N, C-alpha and C. Protein backbone atom coordinates (compact mmCIF):
# COMPACT_ATOMS: atom_id res chain seq x y z
N UNK A 1 0.81 -1.16 0.16
CA UNK A 1 0.13 0.04 0.00
C UNK A 1 0.87 1.07 -0.01
N UNK A 2 0.34 2.42 -0.99
CA UNK A 2 0.97 3.41 -0.87
C UNK A 2 0.28 4.55 -0.02
N UNK A 3 0.99 5.38 0.82
CA UNK A 3 0.23 6.40 1.28
C UNK A 3 0.90 7.75 1.06
N UNK A 4 0.08 8.64 0.99
CA UNK A 4 0.65 10.20 0.91
C UNK A 4 -0.66 11.05 1.03
N UNK A 5 -0.24 12.35 0.58
CA UNK A 5 -0.95 13.30 0.62
C UNK A 5 -1.20 14.04 -0.55
N UNK A 6 -2.49 14.73 -0.56
CA UNK A 6 -2.76 15.31 -2.12
C UNK A 6 -2.11 17.17 -2.02
N UNK A 7 -0.93 17.08 -2.59
CA UNK A 7 -0.34 18.16 -2.43
C UNK A 7 -1.00 19.44 -3.24
N UNK A 8 -1.51 18.77 -4.78
CA UNK A 8 -2.02 20.11 -5.45
C UNK A 8 -3.26 19.74 -5.93
N UNK A 9 -3.91 20.46 -6.10
CA UNK A 9 -5.26 20.56 -6.80
C UNK A 9 -4.99 21.55 -8.12
N UNK A 10 -4.65 20.83 -9.41
CA UNK A 10 -4.74 21.29 -10.45
C UNK A 10 -5.87 22.04 -11.04
N UNK A 11 -6.01 23.40 -10.45
CA UNK A 11 -7.36 24.23 -10.82
C UNK A 11 -7.77 24.10 -12.41
N UNK A 12 -6.68 24.27 -13.21
CA UNK A 12 -6.93 24.22 -14.59
C UNK A 12 -7.65 23.41 -15.19
N UNK A 13 -7.54 22.08 -14.65
CA UNK A 13 -7.92 20.82 -15.23
C UNK A 13 -9.06 19.90 -14.13
N UNK A 14 -8.77 20.23 -12.84
CA UNK A 14 -9.41 19.36 -11.67
C UNK A 14 -8.45 18.34 -11.33
N UNK A 15 -7.26 18.14 -11.73
CA UNK A 15 -6.76 16.78 -11.21
C UNK A 15 -6.15 16.95 -9.87
N UNK A 16 -5.98 15.93 -9.27
CA UNK A 16 -5.47 15.83 -8.16
C UNK A 16 -3.96 15.21 -8.03
N UNK A 17 -2.90 15.88 -7.54
CA UNK A 17 -1.54 15.41 -7.66
C UNK A 17 -1.05 14.86 -6.18
N UNK A 18 -0.73 13.89 -6.10
CA UNK A 18 0.03 13.50 -4.75
C UNK A 18 1.17 13.56 -4.40
N UNK A 19 1.87 13.37 -3.48
CA UNK A 19 3.39 13.46 -3.19
C UNK A 19 4.03 12.24 -3.50
N UNK A 20 3.33 11.16 -3.74
CA UNK A 20 3.68 9.60 -4.23
C UNK A 20 4.61 9.83 -5.33
N UNK A 21 6.19 9.53 -5.50
CA UNK A 21 6.77 9.81 -6.54
C UNK A 21 6.78 8.41 -7.14
N UNK A 22 7.43 8.31 -8.21
CA UNK A 22 7.49 7.15 -9.47
C UNK A 22 8.17 6.23 -8.67
N UNK A 23 9.22 6.38 -7.82
CA UNK A 23 9.89 5.19 -7.27
C UNK A 23 8.95 4.64 -6.36
N UNK A 24 8.09 4.97 -5.65
CA UNK A 24 7.10 4.59 -4.76
C UNK A 24 6.14 3.96 -5.57
N UNK A 25 5.69 4.53 -6.58
CA UNK A 25 4.42 3.50 -7.66
C UNK A 25 5.17 2.35 -8.22
N UNK A 26 6.69 2.58 -8.41
CA UNK A 26 7.29 1.28 -9.11
C UNK A 26 6.98 0.00 -8.14
N UNK A 27 7.08 0.28 -6.85
CA UNK A 27 6.98 -0.70 -5.76
C UNK A 27 5.66 -1.61 -6.01
N UNK A 28 4.62 -0.80 -6.46
CA UNK A 28 3.43 -1.48 -6.79
C UNK A 28 3.46 -2.51 -8.04
N UNK A 29 4.41 -2.24 -8.93
CA UNK A 29 4.60 -2.61 -10.02
C UNK A 29 3.17 -2.67 -10.79
N UNK A 30 2.77 -1.41 -11.13
CA UNK A 30 1.53 -1.16 -11.95
C UNK A 30 1.79 -1.42 -13.49
N UNK A 31 1.03 -2.14 -14.24
CA UNK A 31 0.96 -2.15 -15.60
C UNK A 31 0.11 -1.39 -16.21
N UNK A 32 0.44 -0.70 -17.28
CA UNK A 32 -0.55 0.23 -17.94
C UNK A 32 -1.81 -0.62 -18.23
N UNK A 33 -3.03 0.12 -17.91
CA UNK A 33 -4.12 -0.55 -18.05
C UNK A 33 -4.74 -1.17 -16.71
N UNK A 34 -3.80 -1.88 -15.94
CA UNK A 34 -4.15 -2.21 -14.84
C UNK A 34 -4.97 -1.25 -13.94
N UNK A 35 -5.78 -1.83 -12.83
CA UNK A 35 -6.58 -1.08 -12.01
C UNK A 35 -5.57 -0.54 -10.68
N UNK A 36 -5.67 0.66 -10.32
CA UNK A 36 -5.31 1.07 -8.85
C UNK A 36 -6.42 1.51 -8.06
N UNK A 37 -6.43 1.00 -6.76
CA UNK A 37 -7.53 1.45 -6.07
C UNK A 37 -7.20 2.51 -4.94
N UNK A 38 -8.09 3.63 -5.18
CA UNK A 38 -7.64 4.73 -4.41
C UNK A 38 -8.70 5.14 -3.44
N UNK A 39 -8.23 5.48 -2.21
CA UNK A 39 -8.89 5.86 -0.95
C UNK A 39 -8.46 7.23 -0.53
N UNK A 40 -9.39 8.36 -0.56
CA UNK A 40 -9.02 9.48 -0.04
C UNK A 40 -9.61 9.84 1.18
N UNK A 41 -8.72 10.74 2.00
CA UNK A 41 -9.50 10.98 3.64
C UNK A 41 -9.13 12.48 3.72
N UNK A 42 -10.26 13.04 4.34
CA UNK A 42 -10.11 14.26 4.77
C UNK A 42 -9.90 14.40 6.27
N UNK A 43 -8.85 14.74 6.70
CA UNK A 43 -8.80 14.76 8.32
C UNK A 43 -9.05 13.30 8.90
N UNK A 44 -8.53 12.24 7.94
CA UNK A 44 -8.76 10.85 8.63
C UNK A 44 -10.05 10.16 8.25
N UNK A 45 -11.09 10.91 7.76
CA UNK A 45 -12.38 10.25 7.27
C UNK A 45 -12.24 9.93 5.97
N UNK A 46 -12.71 8.66 5.72
CA UNK A 46 -12.91 8.32 4.12
C UNK A 46 -13.80 9.13 3.64
N UNK A 47 -13.46 10.02 2.43
CA UNK A 47 -14.64 10.63 1.59
C UNK A 47 -14.81 10.24 0.20
N UNK A 48 -13.83 9.37 -0.10
CA UNK A 48 -13.93 8.92 -1.68
C UNK A 48 -13.03 7.59 -1.97
N UNK A 49 -13.73 6.68 -2.63
CA UNK A 49 -12.80 5.46 -2.68
C UNK A 49 -13.20 5.01 -4.21
N UNK A 50 -12.55 4.43 -5.26
CA UNK A 50 -12.89 4.28 -6.31
C UNK A 50 -11.67 3.57 -7.05
N UNK A 51 -11.79 3.16 -8.09
CA UNK A 51 -10.79 2.30 -8.93
C UNK A 51 -10.53 3.01 -10.19
N UNK A 52 -9.40 3.02 -10.84
CA UNK A 52 -8.76 3.90 -11.68
C UNK A 52 -7.90 3.01 -12.56
N UNK A 53 -7.94 3.18 -13.93
CA UNK A 53 -6.80 2.34 -14.66
C UNK A 53 -5.26 3.28 -14.85
N UNK A 54 -4.24 2.82 -14.51
CA UNK A 54 -2.98 3.39 -14.61
C UNK A 54 -2.67 3.61 -15.94
N UNK A 55 -2.71 4.77 -16.65
CA UNK A 55 -2.60 5.16 -17.83
C UNK A 55 -1.47 6.18 -18.15
N UNK A 56 -0.87 5.90 -19.43
CA UNK A 56 0.03 6.79 -19.95
C UNK A 56 -0.57 8.24 -20.47
N UNK A 57 -1.93 7.90 -21.16
CA UNK A 57 -2.22 9.07 -21.63
C UNK A 57 -3.98 9.33 -21.37
N UNK A 58 -4.42 10.58 -21.29
CA UNK A 58 -6.13 10.87 -21.04
C UNK A 58 -6.68 10.05 -21.99
N UNK A 59 -6.24 10.04 -23.21
CA UNK A 59 -7.03 9.31 -24.34
C UNK A 59 -7.49 7.58 -24.07
N UNK A 60 -6.45 7.32 -23.30
CA UNK A 60 -6.70 5.73 -22.84
C UNK A 60 -8.00 5.20 -22.15
N UNK A 61 -8.49 6.33 -21.64
CA UNK A 61 -10.01 6.14 -21.27
C UNK A 61 -11.16 6.95 -21.92
N UNK A 62 -12.13 6.60 -21.60
CA UNK A 62 -13.24 7.40 -22.31
C UNK A 62 -13.52 8.57 -21.62
N UNK A 63 -13.99 9.37 -22.14
CA UNK A 63 -14.70 10.88 -21.72
C UNK A 63 -15.27 10.64 -20.43
N UNK A 64 -14.62 11.57 -19.21
CA UNK A 64 -15.52 11.43 -18.07
C UNK A 64 -15.10 10.22 -17.28
N UNK A 65 -14.24 9.35 -17.61
CA UNK A 65 -13.88 8.07 -16.83
C UNK A 65 -12.48 8.58 -15.96
N UNK A 66 -12.06 7.88 -15.09
CA UNK A 66 -11.16 8.13 -13.95
C UNK A 66 -9.80 7.56 -14.62
N UNK A 67 -8.49 8.00 -14.30
CA UNK A 67 -7.35 7.57 -14.48
C UNK A 67 -6.54 7.86 -13.61
N UNK A 68 -5.39 7.15 -13.47
CA UNK A 68 -4.33 7.27 -12.72
C UNK A 68 -3.24 7.61 -13.58
N UNK A 69 -2.01 8.56 -13.22
CA UNK A 69 -1.16 8.59 -14.07
C UNK A 69 0.12 9.44 -13.29
N UNK A 70 1.31 9.42 -13.90
CA UNK A 70 2.24 10.40 -13.39
C UNK A 70 2.37 11.42 -13.91
N UNK A 71 1.99 12.62 -13.24
CA UNK A 71 2.19 13.85 -13.78
C UNK A 71 3.84 14.31 -14.20
N UNK A 72 3.65 15.86 -14.53
CA UNK A 72 4.93 16.29 -15.20
C UNK A 72 6.23 16.42 -14.05
N UNK A 73 5.68 16.25 -12.80
CA UNK A 73 6.82 16.14 -11.88
C UNK A 73 7.01 14.64 -11.11
N UNK A 74 6.40 13.62 -12.16
CA UNK A 74 6.55 12.27 -12.06
C UNK A 74 5.94 11.58 -10.54
N UNK A 75 4.95 12.32 -10.10
CA UNK A 75 4.39 11.85 -8.99
C UNK A 75 2.78 11.51 -9.25
N UNK A 76 2.16 10.37 -8.76
CA UNK A 76 0.98 9.84 -8.88
C UNK A 76 0.00 10.81 -9.03
N UNK A 77 -1.06 11.00 -9.76
CA UNK A 77 -1.93 11.92 -9.88
C UNK A 77 -3.17 11.22 -10.35
N UNK A 78 -4.44 11.41 -10.12
CA UNK A 78 -5.53 11.42 -10.45
C UNK A 78 -6.45 12.13 -11.14
N UNK A 79 -7.21 11.78 -12.04
CA UNK A 79 -7.70 12.79 -12.79
C UNK A 79 -9.21 12.00 -13.53
N UNK A 80 -10.07 12.85 -14.01
CA UNK A 80 -11.33 12.63 -15.05
C UNK A 80 -10.88 13.04 -16.40
N UNK A 81 -10.88 12.20 -17.57
CA UNK A 81 -10.85 12.53 -18.61
C UNK A 81 -12.09 13.67 -19.04
N UNK A 82 -11.50 14.77 -19.42
CA UNK A 82 -12.35 15.85 -19.96
C UNK A 82 -13.34 16.51 -18.81
N UNK A 83 -12.99 16.03 -17.37
CA UNK A 83 -13.51 16.53 -16.48
C UNK A 83 -13.02 16.70 -15.40
N UNK A 84 -13.36 17.61 -14.27
CA UNK A 84 -12.78 17.77 -12.99
C UNK A 84 -12.92 16.70 -11.87
N UNK A 85 -11.84 16.10 -11.52
CA UNK A 85 -11.88 15.05 -10.56
C UNK A 85 -12.21 15.68 -9.20
N UNK A 86 -11.46 16.54 -8.97
CA UNK A 86 -11.66 17.61 -7.88
C UNK A 86 -13.11 18.12 -7.51
N UNK A 87 -13.57 18.65 -8.47
CA UNK A 87 -14.95 19.25 -8.43
C UNK A 87 -16.17 18.12 -8.31
N UNK A 88 -15.85 17.19 -9.23
CA UNK A 88 -16.86 15.88 -9.20
C UNK A 88 -16.80 15.19 -7.69
N UNK A 89 -15.99 15.18 -7.13
CA UNK A 89 -15.75 14.35 -6.00
C UNK A 89 -15.69 15.08 -4.54
N UNK A 90 -15.28 16.25 -4.81
CA UNK A 90 -15.47 17.18 -3.52
C UNK A 90 -14.14 17.27 -3.03
N UNK A 91 -12.93 17.03 -3.77
CA UNK A 91 -11.85 16.88 -3.20
C UNK A 91 -10.74 18.04 -3.25
N UNK A 92 -10.06 18.09 -2.21
CA UNK A 92 -9.19 19.31 -1.88
C UNK A 92 -7.70 19.00 -1.83
N UNK A 93 -7.14 20.04 -1.43
CA UNK A 93 -5.42 19.87 -1.40
C UNK A 93 -5.03 20.21 -0.05
N UNK A 94 -3.96 19.86 0.61
CA UNK A 94 -3.03 20.21 1.47
C UNK A 94 -2.94 19.10 2.49
N UNK A 95 -2.46 19.53 3.88
CA UNK A 95 -1.96 18.57 4.82
C UNK A 95 -3.11 17.71 5.26
N UNK A 96 -4.46 18.12 5.23
CA UNK A 96 -5.49 17.33 5.86
C UNK A 96 -6.04 16.48 4.69
N UNK A 97 -5.56 16.34 3.63
CA UNK A 97 -6.06 15.52 2.47
C UNK A 97 -5.01 14.46 2.49
N UNK A 98 -5.42 13.24 2.61
CA UNK A 98 -4.32 11.96 2.43
C UNK A 98 -4.85 11.04 1.54
N UNK A 99 -4.13 9.93 1.06
CA UNK A 99 -4.59 9.03 -0.06
C UNK A 99 -3.93 7.76 0.26
N UNK A 100 -4.68 6.56 0.07
CA UNK A 100 -4.06 5.36 0.19
C UNK A 100 -3.98 4.76 -1.13
N UNK A 101 -3.21 4.01 -1.81
CA UNK A 101 -3.32 3.52 -3.30
C UNK A 101 -2.71 1.97 -2.96
N UNK A 102 -3.43 1.08 -3.66
CA UNK A 102 -3.04 -0.35 -3.80
C UNK A 102 -3.70 -0.73 -5.16
N UNK A 103 -3.33 -1.87 -5.61
CA UNK A 103 -3.67 -2.41 -6.88
C UNK A 103 -4.88 -3.06 -6.62
N UNK A 104 -5.76 -3.01 -7.59
CA UNK A 104 -7.09 -3.70 -7.36
C UNK A 104 -7.14 -5.07 -7.41
N UNK A 105 -7.93 -5.84 -7.13
CA UNK A 105 -7.89 -7.48 -7.07
C UNK A 105 -8.86 -7.61 -8.40
């Protein structure tokens, strides 16, 4: 299991960027197209839980569907293709926002 915080809410697109870097992601050994399970907490309370495919490009998922990807800083991020993940699920950023990521079974 990977644990981290949501450091950035990319307000231009609504993506959320975690502080989980690519080296930690490699420990999960995800394959592109494989599903990651995400839990998001606000002050320790679970506020969102879902699965998202680990993707190289936004185009690998249908419009409005979730994906997990490495952002330009090579940190694990979550998004909705052509929509705002943060607005859709009411997710913020900062030290009170934490994440847990595992491979889906």
